Amino acid sequence: WIPSSSDPEPWLQVDFRSLRPIVAIETRGNLNLKYKFTRTYGISYRQGGSQWTVVKHNGVRKVFQGNVKKDTPVTNYFNPWILARFLRLHPMQFNYNKCVRWEIYTCSNQPCE
């Protein structure tokens, strides 16, 4: 995913169509362009309705460490996991351009182990 360069605050969103426990996110950079990847990002989520929740740490928006190379995966775990229908990734710092490939890890059992 590469957002428009004219978008000052882009985000990438997924709709799971039902509530899912989100355990972790794995990111990578651009498959074809070796110097383009997201270094840090934020996460927000929604369970339903219109209210988005920003993932925080000690009351401040959590900054997740992203990639330092395009093909080396970086996995960030949610502890505790979050329950969401919609999930957004907000690129913050990047190398040359905001771009990301991601995998979202969920579990089928609750509580997640």
N, C-alpha and C. Protein backbone atom coordinates (compact mmCIF):
# COMPACT_ATOMS: atom_id res chain seq x y z
N TRP A 1 0.85 -1.17 0.00
CA TRP A 1 0.00 0.00 0.00
C TRP A 1 0.89 1.23 0.00
N ILE A 2 0.61 2.13 -0.93
CA ILE A 2 1.30 3.41 -1.00
C ILE A 2 0.21 4.48 -1.12
N PRO A 3 0.08 5.36 -0.14
CA PRO A 3 -0.95 6.40 -0.23
C PRO A 3 -0.55 7.51 -1.20
N SER A 4 -1.51 8.33 -1.52
CA SER A 4 -1.26 9.50 -2.36
C SER A 4 -0.26 10.42 -1.66
N SER A 5 0.69 10.94 -2.40
CA SER A 5 1.67 11.85 -1.80
C SER A 5 1.04 13.16 -1.36
N SER A 6 -0.16 13.45 -1.85
CA SER A 6 -0.85 14.69 -1.46
C SER A 6 -1.67 14.53 -0.18
N ASP A 7 -1.77 13.31 0.34
CA ASP A 7 -2.54 13.06 1.57
C ASP A 7 -1.63 13.30 2.77
N PRO A 8 -1.89 14.35 3.58
CA PRO A 8 -1.00 14.67 4.70
C PRO A 8 -1.11 13.69 5.88
N GLU A 9 -2.23 13.02 6.03
CA GLU A 9 -2.42 12.08 7.14
C GLU A 9 -3.10 10.81 6.65
N PRO A 10 -2.40 10.01 5.85
CA PRO A 10 -3.02 8.80 5.30
C PRO A 10 -3.15 7.70 6.35
N TRP A 11 -4.04 6.77 6.07
CA TRP A 11 -4.18 5.59 6.91
C TRP A 11 -4.62 4.42 6.04
N LEU A 12 -4.27 3.24 6.48
CA LEU A 12 -4.66 2.00 5.83
C LEU A 12 -5.64 1.30 6.76
N GLN A 13 -6.78 0.89 6.22
CA GLN A 13 -7.85 0.33 7.06
C GLN A 13 -8.28 -1.04 6.57
N VAL A 14 -8.63 -1.89 7.52
CA VAL A 14 -9.23 -3.18 7.20
C VAL A 14 -10.53 -3.30 7.99
N ASP A 15 -11.53 -3.92 7.35
CA ASP A 15 -12.83 -4.20 7.98
C ASP A 15 -12.95 -5.71 8.07
N PHE A 16 -12.97 -6.25 9.28
CA PHE A 16 -13.08 -7.69 9.48
C PHE A 16 -14.53 -8.19 9.36
N ARG A 17 -15.47 -7.27 9.27
CA ARG A 17 -16.92 -7.54 9.14
C ARG A 17 -17.55 -8.08 10.41
N SER A 18 -16.75 -8.36 11.41
CA SER A 18 -17.25 -8.74 12.74
C SER A 18 -16.11 -8.47 13.72
N LEU A 19 -16.43 -8.47 15.00
CA LEU A 19 -15.40 -8.23 16.02
C LEU A 19 -14.38 -9.37 16.02
N ARG A 20 -13.10 -8.99 16.03
CA ARG A 20 -12.01 -9.97 16.04
C ARG A 20 -10.99 -9.57 17.09
N PRO A 21 -10.44 -10.53 17.81
CA PRO A 21 -9.34 -10.22 18.72
C PRO A 21 -8.05 -10.05 17.90
N ILE A 22 -7.44 -8.88 17.99
CA ILE A 22 -6.22 -8.58 17.25
C ILE A 22 -5.03 -8.79 18.19
N VAL A 23 -4.15 -9.69 17.82
CA VAL A 23 -3.03 -10.09 18.67
C VAL A 23 -1.74 -9.37 18.28
N ALA A 24 -1.50 -9.22 16.97
CA ALA A 24 -0.24 -8.63 16.51
C ALA A 24 -0.37 -8.11 15.09
N ILE A 25 0.58 -7.27 14.71
CA ILE A 25 0.70 -6.76 13.34
C ILE A 25 2.15 -6.96 12.90
N GLU A 26 2.30 -7.51 11.70
CA GLU A 26 3.63 -7.64 11.10
C GLU A 26 3.68 -6.71 9.89
N THR A 27 4.75 -5.92 9.78
CA THR A 27 4.89 -5.01 8.66
C THR A 27 6.16 -5.31 7.87
N ARG A 28 6.11 -4.90 6.61
CA ARG A 28 7.26 -4.94 5.70
C ARG A 28 7.18 -3.71 4.81
N GLY A 29 8.24 -3.47 4.06
CA GLY A 29 8.27 -2.33 3.16
C GLY A 29 7.76 -2.68 1.77
N ASN A 30 8.05 -1.79 0.82
CA ASN A 30 7.61 -1.97 -0.56
C ASN A 30 8.34 -3.15 -1.20
N LEU A 31 7.59 -4.02 -1.85
CA LEU A 31 8.14 -5.23 -2.44
C LEU A 31 9.15 -4.94 -3.55
N ASN A 32 8.89 -3.90 -4.36
CA ASN A 32 9.72 -3.63 -5.54
C ASN A 32 10.71 -2.49 -5.37
N LEU A 33 10.50 -1.64 -4.41
CA LEU A 33 11.37 -0.46 -4.23
C LEU A 33 12.09 -0.58 -2.90
N LYS A 34 13.38 -0.89 -2.93
CA LYS A 34 14.09 -1.31 -1.72
C LYS A 34 14.26 -0.26 -0.65
N TYR A 35 14.10 1.01 -0.97
CA TYR A 35 14.32 2.04 0.04
C TYR A 35 13.03 2.63 0.61
N LYS A 36 11.89 2.07 0.27
CA LYS A 36 10.62 2.64 0.73
C LYS A 36 9.98 1.73 1.77
N PHE A 37 9.83 2.28 2.99
CA PHE A 37 9.18 1.53 4.06
C PHE A 37 8.79 2.50 5.17
N THR A 38 7.90 2.05 6.04
CA THR A 38 7.42 2.86 7.16
C THR A 38 8.24 2.52 8.40
N ARG A 39 8.86 3.55 9.00
CA ARG A 39 9.72 3.35 10.17
C ARG A 39 8.93 3.28 11.48
N THR A 40 7.92 4.14 11.62
CA THR A 40 7.06 4.12 12.80
C THR A 40 5.62 4.36 12.37
N TYR A 41 4.70 3.89 13.20
CA TYR A 41 3.28 4.06 12.88
C TYR A 41 2.45 4.03 14.15
N GLY A 42 1.23 4.53 14.03
CA GLY A 42 0.25 4.46 15.10
C GLY A 42 -0.88 3.54 14.67
N ILE A 43 -1.66 3.10 15.64
CA ILE A 43 -2.80 2.21 15.37
C ILE A 43 -4.04 2.78 16.05
N SER A 44 -5.15 2.72 15.32
CA SER A 44 -6.45 3.03 15.92
C SER A 44 -7.41 1.93 15.50
N TYR A 45 -8.49 1.79 16.27
CA TYR A 45 -9.45 0.73 15.97
C TYR A 45 -10.84 1.16 16.38
N ARG A 46 -11.81 0.42 15.86
CA ARG A 46 -13.21 0.70 16.14
C ARG A 46 -13.94 -0.64 16.28
N GLN A 47 -14.82 -0.70 17.25
CA GLN A 47 -15.59 -1.93 17.44
C GLN A 47 -16.91 -1.87 16.67
N GLY A 48 -17.41 -0.71 16.47
CA GLY A 48 -18.67 -0.47 15.78
C GLY A 48 -19.00 1.00 15.95
N GLY A 49 -20.10 1.45 15.38
CA GLY A 49 -20.43 2.86 15.51
C GLY A 49 -19.40 3.73 14.83
N SER A 50 -19.17 4.92 15.37
CA SER A 50 -18.25 5.86 14.72
C SER A 50 -17.08 6.27 15.60
N GLN A 51 -16.98 5.74 16.81
CA GLN A 51 -15.93 6.14 17.75
C GLN A 51 -14.65 5.33 17.55
N TRP A 52 -13.57 6.02 17.16
CA TRP A 52 -12.26 5.38 16.99
C TRP A 52 -11.48 5.47 18.31
N THR A 53 -10.75 4.41 18.63
CA THR A 53 -9.90 4.37 19.81
C THR A 53 -8.45 4.32 19.34
N VAL A 54 -7.64 5.21 19.85
CA VAL A 54 -6.21 5.23 19.53
C VAL A 54 -5.49 4.33 20.53
N VAL A 55 -4.63 3.47 20.05
CA VAL A 55 -3.83 2.63 20.95
C VAL A 55 -2.82 3.53 21.65
N LYS A 56 -2.84 3.49 22.99
CA LYS A 56 -1.98 4.37 23.79
C LYS A 56 -1.10 3.56 24.73
N HIS A 57 -0.04 4.22 25.19
CA HIS A 57 0.85 3.67 26.22
C HIS A 57 1.09 4.79 27.22
N ASN A 58 0.73 4.56 28.47
CA ASN A 58 0.85 5.59 29.52
C ASN A 58 0.11 6.87 29.15
N GLY A 59 -1.06 6.73 28.53
CA GLY A 59 -1.90 7.87 28.21
C GLY A 59 -1.52 8.64 26.96
N VAL A 60 -0.48 8.20 26.25
CA VAL A 60 0.00 8.88 25.04
C VAL A 60 -0.08 7.91 23.87
N ARG A 61 -0.40 8.44 22.69
CA ARG A 61 -0.48 7.58 21.51
C ARG A 61 0.79 6.73 21.39
N LYS A 62 0.60 5.43 21.30
CA LYS A 62 1.74 4.51 21.19
C LYS A 62 2.34 4.61 19.79
N VAL A 63 3.66 4.73 19.75
CA VAL A 63 4.39 4.74 18.48
C VAL A 63 5.00 3.35 18.31
N PHE A 64 4.54 2.65 17.29
CA PHE A 64 5.03 1.30 17.01
C PHE A 64 6.25 1.38 16.12
N GLN A 65 7.26 0.58 16.43
CA GLN A 65 8.46 0.52 15.61
C GLN A 65 8.16 -0.29 14.36
N GLY A 66 8.43 0.30 13.22
CA GLY A 66 8.21 -0.37 11.95
C GLY A 66 9.51 -0.94 11.41
N ASN A 67 9.71 -0.75 10.14
CA ASN A 67 10.81 -1.41 9.45
C ASN A 67 12.06 -0.54 9.33
N VAL A 68 13.19 -1.23 9.18
CA VAL A 68 14.46 -0.57 8.89
C VAL A 68 15.00 -1.04 7.54
N LYS A 69 14.38 -2.08 6.99
CA LYS A 69 14.67 -2.59 5.65
C LYS A 69 13.34 -3.01 5.03
N LYS A 70 13.29 -3.08 3.71
CA LYS A 70 12.01 -3.36 3.05
C LYS A 70 11.50 -4.77 3.26
N ASP A 71 12.39 -5.77 3.35
CA ASP A 71 11.93 -7.15 3.40
C ASP A 71 12.05 -7.83 4.76
N THR A 72 12.62 -7.15 5.73
CA THR A 72 12.75 -7.74 7.06
C THR A 72 11.47 -7.49 7.83
N PRO A 73 10.70 -8.54 8.14
CA PRO A 73 9.44 -8.32 8.85
C PRO A 73 9.67 -7.86 10.29
N VAL A 74 8.79 -6.99 10.74
CA VAL A 74 8.79 -6.53 12.13
C VAL A 74 7.40 -6.81 12.69
N THR A 75 7.35 -7.52 13.81
CA THR A 75 6.07 -7.87 14.43
C THR A 75 5.91 -7.13 15.75
N ASN A 76 4.77 -6.48 15.90
CA ASN A 76 4.41 -5.80 17.15
C ASN A 76 3.18 -6.50 17.72
N TYR A 77 3.29 -6.88 19.00
CA TYR A 77 2.20 -7.59 19.68
C TYR A 77 1.40 -6.61 20.53
N PHE A 78 0.11 -6.86 20.62
CA PHE A 78 -0.76 -6.08 21.49
C PHE A 78 -0.89 -6.83 22.81
N ASN A 79 -0.52 -6.17 23.89
CA ASN A 79 -0.63 -6.77 25.20
C ASN A 79 -1.27 -5.76 26.15
N PRO A 80 -2.55 -5.91 26.42
CA PRO A 80 -3.42 -7.01 26.01
C PRO A 80 -3.87 -6.85 24.55
N TRP A 81 -4.37 -7.95 23.98
CA TRP A 81 -4.89 -7.88 22.62
C TRP A 81 -6.09 -6.96 22.58
N ILE A 82 -6.44 -6.50 21.38
CA ILE A 82 -7.57 -5.58 21.23
C ILE A 82 -8.69 -6.25 20.45
N LEU A 83 -9.90 -5.87 20.75
CA LEU A 83 -11.08 -6.40 20.08
C LEU A 83 -11.59 -5.33 19.13
N ALA A 84 -11.62 -5.64 17.83
CA ALA A 84 -11.97 -4.62 16.85
C ALA A 84 -12.67 -5.23 15.64
N ARG A 85 -13.50 -4.41 15.02
CA ARG A 85 -14.04 -4.75 13.71
C ARG A 85 -13.22 -4.04 12.63
N PHE A 86 -12.84 -2.78 12.90
CA PHE A 86 -12.04 -1.98 11.97
C PHE A 86 -10.68 -1.70 12.61
N LEU A 87 -9.64 -1.73 11.80
CA LEU A 87 -8.29 -1.46 12.28
C LEU A 87 -7.61 -0.52 11.28
N ARG A 88 -6.95 0.52 11.80
CA ARG A 88 -6.23 1.47 10.94
C ARG A 88 -4.77 1.56 11.35
N LEU A 89 -3.91 1.62 10.34
CA LEU A 89 -2.49 1.86 10.53
C LEU A 89 -2.20 3.26 10.00
N HIS A 90 -1.57 4.09 10.82
CA HIS A 90 -1.26 5.48 10.49
C HIS A 90 0.26 5.64 10.38
N PRO A 91 0.83 5.71 9.17
CA PRO A 91 2.28 5.91 9.04
C PRO A 91 2.70 7.23 9.69
N MET A 92 3.80 7.21 10.42
CA MET A 92 4.31 8.42 11.07
C MET A 92 5.66 8.82 10.48
N GLN A 93 6.66 7.98 10.64
CA GLN A 93 7.97 8.23 10.04
C GLN A 93 8.19 7.17 8.96
N PHE A 94 8.89 7.56 7.92
CA PHE A 94 9.05 6.64 6.80
C PHE A 94 10.38 6.90 6.11
N ASN A 95 10.75 5.99 5.25
CA ASN A 95 11.98 6.11 4.46
C ASN A 95 11.58 6.38 3.01
N TYR A 96 11.80 7.57 2.53
CA TYR A 96 11.48 8.04 1.18
C TYR A 96 9.99 8.21 0.91
N ASN A 97 9.17 7.30 1.33
CA ASN A 97 7.74 7.39 1.04
C ASN A 97 6.98 6.54 2.06
N LYS A 98 5.76 6.95 2.35
CA LYS A 98 4.90 6.16 3.22
C LYS A 98 4.43 4.95 2.42
N CYS A 99 4.81 3.78 2.84
CA CYS A 99 4.33 2.56 2.20
C CYS A 99 4.47 1.42 3.20
N VAL A 100 3.61 0.43 3.06
CA VAL A 100 3.64 -0.69 4.01
C VAL A 100 2.92 -1.89 3.41
N ARG A 101 3.42 -3.05 3.76
CA ARG A 101 2.70 -4.31 3.60
C ARG A 101 2.46 -4.80 5.03
N TRP A 102 1.29 -5.35 5.29
CA TRP A 102 1.04 -5.80 6.67
C TRP A 102 0.30 -7.11 6.71
N GLU A 103 0.53 -7.81 7.79
CA GLU A 103 -0.21 -9.01 8.16
C GLU A 103 -0.79 -8.72 9.53
N ILE A 104 -2.04 -9.08 9.71
CA ILE A 104 -2.71 -8.88 10.99
C ILE A 104 -2.99 -10.26 11.58
N TYR A 105 -2.55 -10.47 12.80
CA TYR A 105 -2.72 -11.76 13.45
C TYR A 105 -3.88 -11.69 14.44
N THR A 106 -4.80 -12.62 14.28
CA THR A 106 -5.95 -12.73 15.18
C THR A 106 -5.95 -14.14 15.77
N CYS A 107 -6.88 -14.38 16.66
CA CYS A 107 -7.05 -15.74 17.17
C CYS A 107 -8.53 -16.09 17.11
N SER A 108 -8.81 -17.36 17.03
CA SER A 108 -10.20 -17.78 16.92
C SER A 108 -10.83 -18.06 18.27
N ASN A 109 -10.01 -18.24 19.29
CA ASN A 109 -10.52 -18.50 20.63
C ASN A 109 -10.41 -17.25 21.48
N GLN A 110 -11.35 -17.10 22.40
CA GLN A 110 -11.25 -16.02 23.38
C GLN A 110 -11.34 -16.66 24.76
N PRO A 111 -10.43 -16.38 25.65
CA PRO A 111 -9.34 -15.42 25.50
C PRO A 111 -8.23 -15.96 24.61
N CYS A 112 -7.52 -15.05 23.98
CA CYS A 112 -6.39 -15.44 23.13
C CYS A 112 -5.24 -15.91 24.00
N GLU A 113 -4.58 -16.94 23.56
CA GLU A 113 -3.42 -17.45 24.30
C GLU A 113 -2.22 -17.52 23.40
